[in-house]
N, C-alpha and C. Protein backbone atom coordinates (compact mmCIF):
# COMPACT_ATOMS: atom_id res chain seq x y z
N MET A 1 15.21 10.89 -2.23
CA MET A 1 14.28 9.79 -2.08
C MET A 1 13.84 9.32 -3.46
N THR A 2 13.73 8.02 -3.60
CA THR A 2 13.26 7.42 -4.84
C THR A 2 11.97 6.66 -4.59
N VAL A 3 10.96 6.92 -5.40
CA VAL A 3 9.72 6.13 -5.32
C VAL A 3 9.98 4.83 -6.06
N ARG A 4 9.70 3.71 -5.40
CA ARG A 4 9.96 2.41 -5.97
C ARG A 4 8.73 1.82 -6.67
N ARG A 5 7.53 2.14 -6.19
CA ARG A 5 6.29 1.69 -6.83
C ARG A 5 5.13 2.44 -6.22
N ILE A 6 4.03 2.50 -6.96
CA ILE A 6 2.78 3.07 -6.48
C ILE A 6 1.68 2.05 -6.77
N VAL A 7 0.90 1.72 -5.74
CA VAL A 7 -0.15 0.70 -5.88
C VAL A 7 -1.48 1.28 -5.42
N PRO A 8 -2.49 1.27 -6.32
CA PRO A 8 -3.83 1.69 -5.87
C PRO A 8 -4.42 0.63 -4.95
N ASN A 9 -5.15 1.07 -3.93
CA ASN A 9 -5.83 0.18 -2.99
C ASN A 9 -7.32 0.34 -3.14
N LEU A 10 -8.00 -0.72 -3.53
CA LEU A 10 -9.44 -0.70 -3.71
C LEU A 10 -10.09 -1.31 -2.48
N ALA A 11 -11.06 -0.62 -1.89
CA ALA A 11 -11.77 -1.15 -0.74
C ALA A 11 -12.73 -2.24 -1.23
N GLY A 12 -12.79 -3.33 -0.49
CA GLY A 12 -13.69 -4.41 -0.86
C GLY A 12 -13.28 -5.73 -0.27
N ASP A 13 -13.91 -6.80 -0.71
CA ASP A 13 -13.63 -8.14 -0.22
C ASP A 13 -12.54 -8.75 -1.11
N PRO A 14 -11.35 -8.97 -0.56
CA PRO A 14 -10.26 -9.49 -1.39
C PRO A 14 -10.58 -10.83 -2.04
N SER A 15 -11.26 -11.72 -1.33
CA SER A 15 -11.54 -13.04 -1.91
C SER A 15 -12.53 -12.93 -3.06
N ALA A 16 -13.48 -12.02 -2.97
CA ALA A 16 -14.44 -11.83 -4.05
C ALA A 16 -13.79 -11.20 -5.28
N ALA A 17 -12.72 -10.45 -5.09
CA ALA A 17 -12.05 -9.77 -6.19
C ALA A 17 -11.20 -10.72 -7.02
N SER A 18 -10.86 -11.86 -6.45
CA SER A 18 -9.97 -12.81 -7.12
C SER A 18 -10.46 -13.23 -8.50
N GLU A 19 -11.75 -13.45 -8.64
CA GLU A 19 -12.28 -13.90 -9.92
C GLU A 19 -11.95 -12.92 -11.04
N LEU A 20 -12.17 -11.63 -10.80
CA LEU A 20 -11.88 -10.63 -11.82
C LEU A 20 -10.37 -10.54 -12.08
N PHE A 21 -9.60 -10.33 -11.02
CA PHE A 21 -8.18 -10.05 -11.20
C PHE A 21 -7.36 -11.26 -11.62
N VAL A 22 -7.71 -12.46 -11.16
CA VAL A 22 -6.96 -13.67 -11.52
C VAL A 22 -7.57 -14.37 -12.72
N ASP A 23 -8.86 -14.72 -12.61
CA ASP A 23 -9.51 -15.54 -13.65
C ASP A 23 -9.79 -14.76 -14.94
N VAL A 24 -10.17 -13.49 -14.82
CA VAL A 24 -10.52 -12.71 -15.99
C VAL A 24 -9.31 -11.95 -16.55
N LEU A 25 -8.60 -11.22 -15.66
CA LEU A 25 -7.48 -10.38 -16.13
C LEU A 25 -6.13 -11.11 -16.16
N GLY A 26 -6.06 -12.29 -15.54
CA GLY A 26 -4.83 -13.07 -15.62
C GLY A 26 -3.69 -12.60 -14.74
N LEU A 27 -3.99 -11.82 -13.69
CA LEU A 27 -2.96 -11.39 -12.78
C LEU A 27 -2.57 -12.50 -11.82
N ASP A 28 -1.38 -12.41 -11.25
CA ASP A 28 -0.92 -13.35 -10.23
C ASP A 28 -1.16 -12.75 -8.85
N VAL A 29 -1.35 -13.60 -7.85
CA VAL A 29 -1.41 -13.13 -6.47
C VAL A 29 0.04 -12.91 -6.01
N ALA A 30 0.38 -11.65 -5.77
CA ALA A 30 1.75 -11.31 -5.36
C ALA A 30 1.89 -11.33 -3.84
N MET A 31 0.79 -11.09 -3.13
CA MET A 31 0.79 -11.07 -1.66
C MET A 31 -0.62 -11.34 -1.19
N ASP A 32 -0.76 -12.15 -0.15
CA ASP A 32 -2.08 -12.43 0.41
C ASP A 32 -1.97 -12.56 1.92
N HIS A 33 -2.47 -11.53 2.63
CA HIS A 33 -2.51 -11.56 4.10
C HIS A 33 -3.92 -11.83 4.60
N GLY A 34 -4.83 -12.16 3.72
CA GLY A 34 -6.22 -12.38 4.11
C GLY A 34 -7.03 -11.10 4.10
N TRP A 35 -6.58 -10.10 4.83
CA TRP A 35 -7.29 -8.81 4.87
C TRP A 35 -6.90 -7.90 3.72
N ILE A 36 -5.78 -8.20 3.03
CA ILE A 36 -5.36 -7.49 1.83
C ILE A 36 -4.70 -8.49 0.89
N VAL A 37 -5.06 -8.38 -0.39
CA VAL A 37 -4.45 -9.22 -1.42
C VAL A 37 -3.96 -8.29 -2.52
N THR A 38 -2.70 -8.47 -2.94
CA THR A 38 -2.14 -7.69 -4.04
C THR A 38 -2.00 -8.58 -5.26
N TYR A 39 -2.52 -8.11 -6.36
CA TYR A 39 -2.45 -8.82 -7.63
C TYR A 39 -1.45 -8.10 -8.51
N ALA A 40 -0.66 -8.86 -9.29
CA ALA A 40 0.39 -8.24 -10.11
C ALA A 40 0.48 -8.92 -11.47
N ALA A 41 0.95 -8.14 -12.45
CA ALA A 41 1.22 -8.66 -13.79
C ALA A 41 2.73 -8.69 -13.99
N GLY A 42 3.19 -9.51 -14.89
CA GLY A 42 4.62 -9.56 -15.20
C GLY A 42 5.37 -10.51 -14.31
N THR A 43 6.69 -10.39 -14.33
CA THR A 43 7.55 -11.27 -13.54
C THR A 43 8.13 -10.52 -12.36
N VAL A 44 8.67 -11.25 -11.40
CA VAL A 44 9.24 -10.62 -10.22
C VAL A 44 10.53 -9.87 -10.52
N THR A 45 11.13 -10.08 -11.69
CA THR A 45 12.38 -9.39 -12.03
C THR A 45 12.15 -8.05 -12.71
N GLU A 46 10.93 -7.70 -12.97
CA GLU A 46 10.64 -6.41 -13.60
C GLU A 46 9.64 -5.64 -12.75
N ALA A 47 9.53 -4.35 -13.00
CA ALA A 47 8.51 -3.55 -12.32
C ALA A 47 7.15 -4.09 -12.76
N ARG A 48 6.33 -4.46 -11.81
CA ARG A 48 5.07 -5.10 -12.11
C ARG A 48 3.90 -4.16 -11.78
N PRO A 49 3.00 -3.93 -12.75
CA PRO A 49 1.78 -3.19 -12.42
C PRO A 49 1.01 -3.99 -11.36
N GLN A 50 0.51 -3.29 -10.35
CA GLN A 50 -0.18 -3.96 -9.26
C GLN A 50 -1.44 -3.22 -8.86
N VAL A 51 -2.36 -3.95 -8.23
CA VAL A 51 -3.54 -3.39 -7.60
C VAL A 51 -3.82 -4.23 -6.37
N SER A 52 -4.19 -3.59 -5.27
CA SER A 52 -4.54 -4.29 -4.04
C SER A 52 -6.02 -4.12 -3.74
N VAL A 53 -6.65 -5.16 -3.18
CA VAL A 53 -8.02 -5.08 -2.71
C VAL A 53 -7.98 -5.33 -1.21
N ILE A 54 -8.51 -4.40 -0.43
CA ILE A 54 -8.36 -4.42 1.01
C ILE A 54 -9.72 -4.33 1.71
N ARG A 55 -9.96 -5.25 2.64
CA ARG A 55 -11.19 -5.24 3.43
C ARG A 55 -11.06 -4.30 4.63
N GLU A 56 -9.91 -4.36 5.27
CA GLU A 56 -9.60 -3.52 6.44
C GLU A 56 -8.09 -3.55 6.57
N ASP A 57 -7.55 -2.63 7.33
CA ASP A 57 -6.11 -2.66 7.58
C ASP A 57 -5.86 -3.37 8.90
N ALA A 58 -4.87 -4.23 8.94
CA ALA A 58 -4.60 -5.03 10.14
C ALA A 58 -4.17 -4.20 11.35
N THR A 59 -3.52 -3.08 11.14
CA THR A 59 -3.02 -2.31 12.29
C THR A 59 -3.37 -0.82 12.26
N ALA A 60 -3.92 -0.34 11.16
CA ALA A 60 -4.22 1.08 11.04
C ALA A 60 -5.73 1.32 11.08
N PRO A 61 -6.13 2.54 11.45
CA PRO A 61 -7.56 2.83 11.65
C PRO A 61 -8.37 3.10 10.38
N VAL A 62 -7.69 3.28 9.25
CA VAL A 62 -8.38 3.61 8.00
C VAL A 62 -7.78 2.80 6.85
N ILE A 63 -8.50 2.75 5.74
CA ILE A 63 -8.00 2.10 4.53
C ILE A 63 -7.40 3.17 3.64
N PRO A 64 -6.13 3.05 3.28
CA PRO A 64 -5.53 4.02 2.37
C PRO A 64 -6.01 3.81 0.94
N VAL A 65 -6.08 4.88 0.16
CA VAL A 65 -6.48 4.76 -1.23
C VAL A 65 -5.31 4.43 -2.14
N LEU A 66 -4.11 4.62 -1.62
CA LEU A 66 -2.91 4.44 -2.43
C LEU A 66 -1.76 4.02 -1.53
N SER A 67 -0.91 3.14 -2.04
CA SER A 67 0.32 2.78 -1.32
C SER A 67 1.48 3.21 -2.19
N VAL A 68 2.45 3.91 -1.58
CA VAL A 68 3.63 4.38 -2.29
C VAL A 68 4.86 3.82 -1.59
N GLU A 69 5.61 2.98 -2.31
CA GLU A 69 6.85 2.42 -1.75
C GLU A 69 7.99 3.36 -2.08
N VAL A 70 8.76 3.72 -1.06
CA VAL A 70 9.89 4.63 -1.20
C VAL A 70 11.15 3.95 -0.66
N ASP A 71 12.30 4.59 -0.90
CA ASP A 71 13.55 4.02 -0.40
C ASP A 71 14.01 4.69 0.89
N ASP A 72 13.25 5.68 1.39
CA ASP A 72 13.61 6.37 2.64
C ASP A 72 12.34 6.83 3.34
N VAL A 73 11.63 5.88 3.99
CA VAL A 73 10.37 6.20 4.64
C VAL A 73 10.54 7.15 5.81
N ASP A 74 11.67 7.05 6.52
CA ASP A 74 11.90 7.96 7.65
C ASP A 74 12.03 9.41 7.17
N GLY A 75 12.78 9.61 6.10
CA GLY A 75 12.93 10.95 5.56
C GLY A 75 11.63 11.52 5.02
N CYS A 76 10.85 10.67 4.37
CA CYS A 76 9.54 11.08 3.84
C CYS A 76 8.61 11.46 4.97
N HIS A 77 8.62 10.67 6.05
CA HIS A 77 7.80 10.96 7.23
C HIS A 77 8.20 12.31 7.82
N ALA A 78 9.50 12.54 7.96
CA ALA A 78 9.99 13.80 8.53
C ALA A 78 9.52 14.99 7.68
N ARG A 79 9.57 14.86 6.35
CA ARG A 79 9.14 15.95 5.48
C ARG A 79 7.64 16.19 5.60
N ALA A 80 6.85 15.12 5.72
CA ALA A 80 5.39 15.26 5.87
C ALA A 80 5.06 15.98 7.16
N VAL A 81 5.70 15.59 8.25
CA VAL A 81 5.47 16.24 9.56
C VAL A 81 5.91 17.71 9.50
N GLU A 82 7.07 17.95 8.93
CA GLU A 82 7.62 19.31 8.82
C GLU A 82 6.68 20.24 8.05
N ARG A 83 5.98 19.69 7.08
CA ARG A 83 5.08 20.49 6.25
C ARG A 83 3.65 20.54 6.80
N GLY A 84 3.44 19.92 7.94
CA GLY A 84 2.14 20.02 8.61
C GLY A 84 1.07 19.04 8.17
N TYR A 85 1.44 18.00 7.45
CA TYR A 85 0.46 17.01 7.04
C TYR A 85 -0.01 16.18 8.23
N GLN A 86 -1.28 15.78 8.20
CA GLN A 86 -1.83 14.94 9.26
C GLN A 86 -1.34 13.51 9.07
N ILE A 87 -0.71 12.98 10.12
CA ILE A 87 -0.27 11.58 10.11
C ILE A 87 -1.41 10.77 10.71
N VAL A 88 -2.01 9.89 9.92
CA VAL A 88 -3.20 9.13 10.33
C VAL A 88 -2.79 7.85 11.04
N HIS A 89 -1.65 7.27 10.65
CA HIS A 89 -1.10 6.07 11.28
C HIS A 89 0.39 6.35 11.47
N PRO A 90 0.90 6.21 12.69
CA PRO A 90 2.29 6.60 12.98
C PRO A 90 3.29 5.72 12.25
N LEU A 91 4.51 6.22 12.13
CA LEU A 91 5.61 5.45 11.57
C LEU A 91 5.78 4.18 12.38
N THR A 92 5.60 3.05 11.74
CA THR A 92 5.52 1.76 12.44
C THR A 92 6.28 0.68 11.68
N ASP A 93 7.00 -0.17 12.41
CA ASP A 93 7.59 -1.38 11.84
C ASP A 93 6.54 -2.48 11.95
N GLU A 94 6.01 -2.90 10.82
CA GLU A 94 4.93 -3.89 10.81
C GLU A 94 5.48 -5.31 10.78
N PRO A 95 4.74 -6.28 11.34
CA PRO A 95 5.25 -7.65 11.42
C PRO A 95 5.43 -8.33 10.06
N TRP A 96 4.88 -7.78 8.99
CA TRP A 96 5.04 -8.41 7.68
C TRP A 96 6.21 -7.82 6.89
N GLY A 97 7.08 -7.06 7.57
CA GLY A 97 8.33 -6.65 6.95
C GLY A 97 8.39 -5.29 6.29
N VAL A 98 7.44 -4.42 6.60
CA VAL A 98 7.51 -3.06 6.09
C VAL A 98 7.54 -2.06 7.24
N ARG A 99 8.13 -0.92 6.98
CA ARG A 99 8.07 0.22 7.88
C ARG A 99 7.21 1.22 7.13
N ARG A 100 6.15 1.74 7.78
CA ARG A 100 5.21 2.58 7.05
C ARG A 100 4.54 3.60 7.97
N PHE A 101 3.89 4.56 7.31
CA PHE A 101 2.98 5.51 7.98
C PHE A 101 1.91 5.88 6.98
N PHE A 102 0.78 6.39 7.50
CA PHE A 102 -0.30 6.89 6.66
C PHE A 102 -0.35 8.40 6.81
N VAL A 103 -0.48 9.09 5.70
CA VAL A 103 -0.58 10.55 5.69
C VAL A 103 -1.83 10.94 4.92
N ARG A 104 -2.54 11.97 5.43
CA ARG A 104 -3.73 12.47 4.75
C ARG A 104 -3.32 13.62 3.83
N SER A 105 -3.68 13.52 2.55
CA SER A 105 -3.36 14.59 1.60
C SER A 105 -4.21 15.81 1.90
N LYS A 106 -3.85 16.92 1.32
CA LYS A 106 -4.62 18.16 1.50
C LYS A 106 -6.06 17.98 0.99
N GLY A 107 -6.26 17.07 0.02
CA GLY A 107 -7.60 16.80 -0.50
C GLY A 107 -8.37 15.75 0.30
N GLY A 108 -7.72 15.18 1.32
CA GLY A 108 -8.41 14.23 2.19
C GLY A 108 -8.10 12.76 1.95
N ALA A 109 -7.39 12.44 0.86
CA ALA A 109 -7.05 11.04 0.58
C ALA A 109 -5.97 10.56 1.53
N VAL A 110 -6.11 9.33 2.01
CA VAL A 110 -5.12 8.74 2.90
C VAL A 110 -4.15 7.90 2.07
N VAL A 111 -2.86 8.15 2.26
CA VAL A 111 -1.81 7.47 1.49
C VAL A 111 -0.93 6.67 2.45
N ASN A 112 -0.71 5.40 2.13
CA ASN A 112 0.19 4.52 2.86
C ASN A 112 1.57 4.67 2.24
N VAL A 113 2.53 5.18 3.02
CA VAL A 113 3.91 5.37 2.54
C VAL A 113 4.74 4.30 3.23
N LEU A 114 5.45 3.48 2.45
CA LEU A 114 6.13 2.31 3.03
C LEU A 114 7.50 2.08 2.45
N GLN A 115 8.30 1.36 3.23
CA GLN A 115 9.58 0.88 2.78
C GLN A 115 9.72 -0.57 3.26
N HIS A 116 10.12 -1.46 2.36
CA HIS A 116 10.35 -2.85 2.77
C HIS A 116 11.64 -2.93 3.59
N ARG A 117 11.66 -3.77 4.60
CA ARG A 117 12.83 -3.96 5.46
C ARG A 117 13.45 -5.28 5.19
């Protein structure tokens, strides 16, 4: 499995965060679903540092603190289940083009593990 990117998720009002991330820091809006906005630096042809601000999750019961994009979400899910990790949101094909699940770390942090489809 290869990790493709890791994005911190900050809880808050995405529209209120725009001033800091766009106007002050100069980031671009890479994704905007209303309930979550991802801001990124750089160009789409390079690995871009990113941060997301999320008010709520559209389909999951909790807000993850981190999103990790992988190239084999099914295999990662199987390993998490095999090792006894709590799955907070089941492996799901989401309408915005990702397959993902949420897993709770041993320290209690919820991580969104995803693969783009």
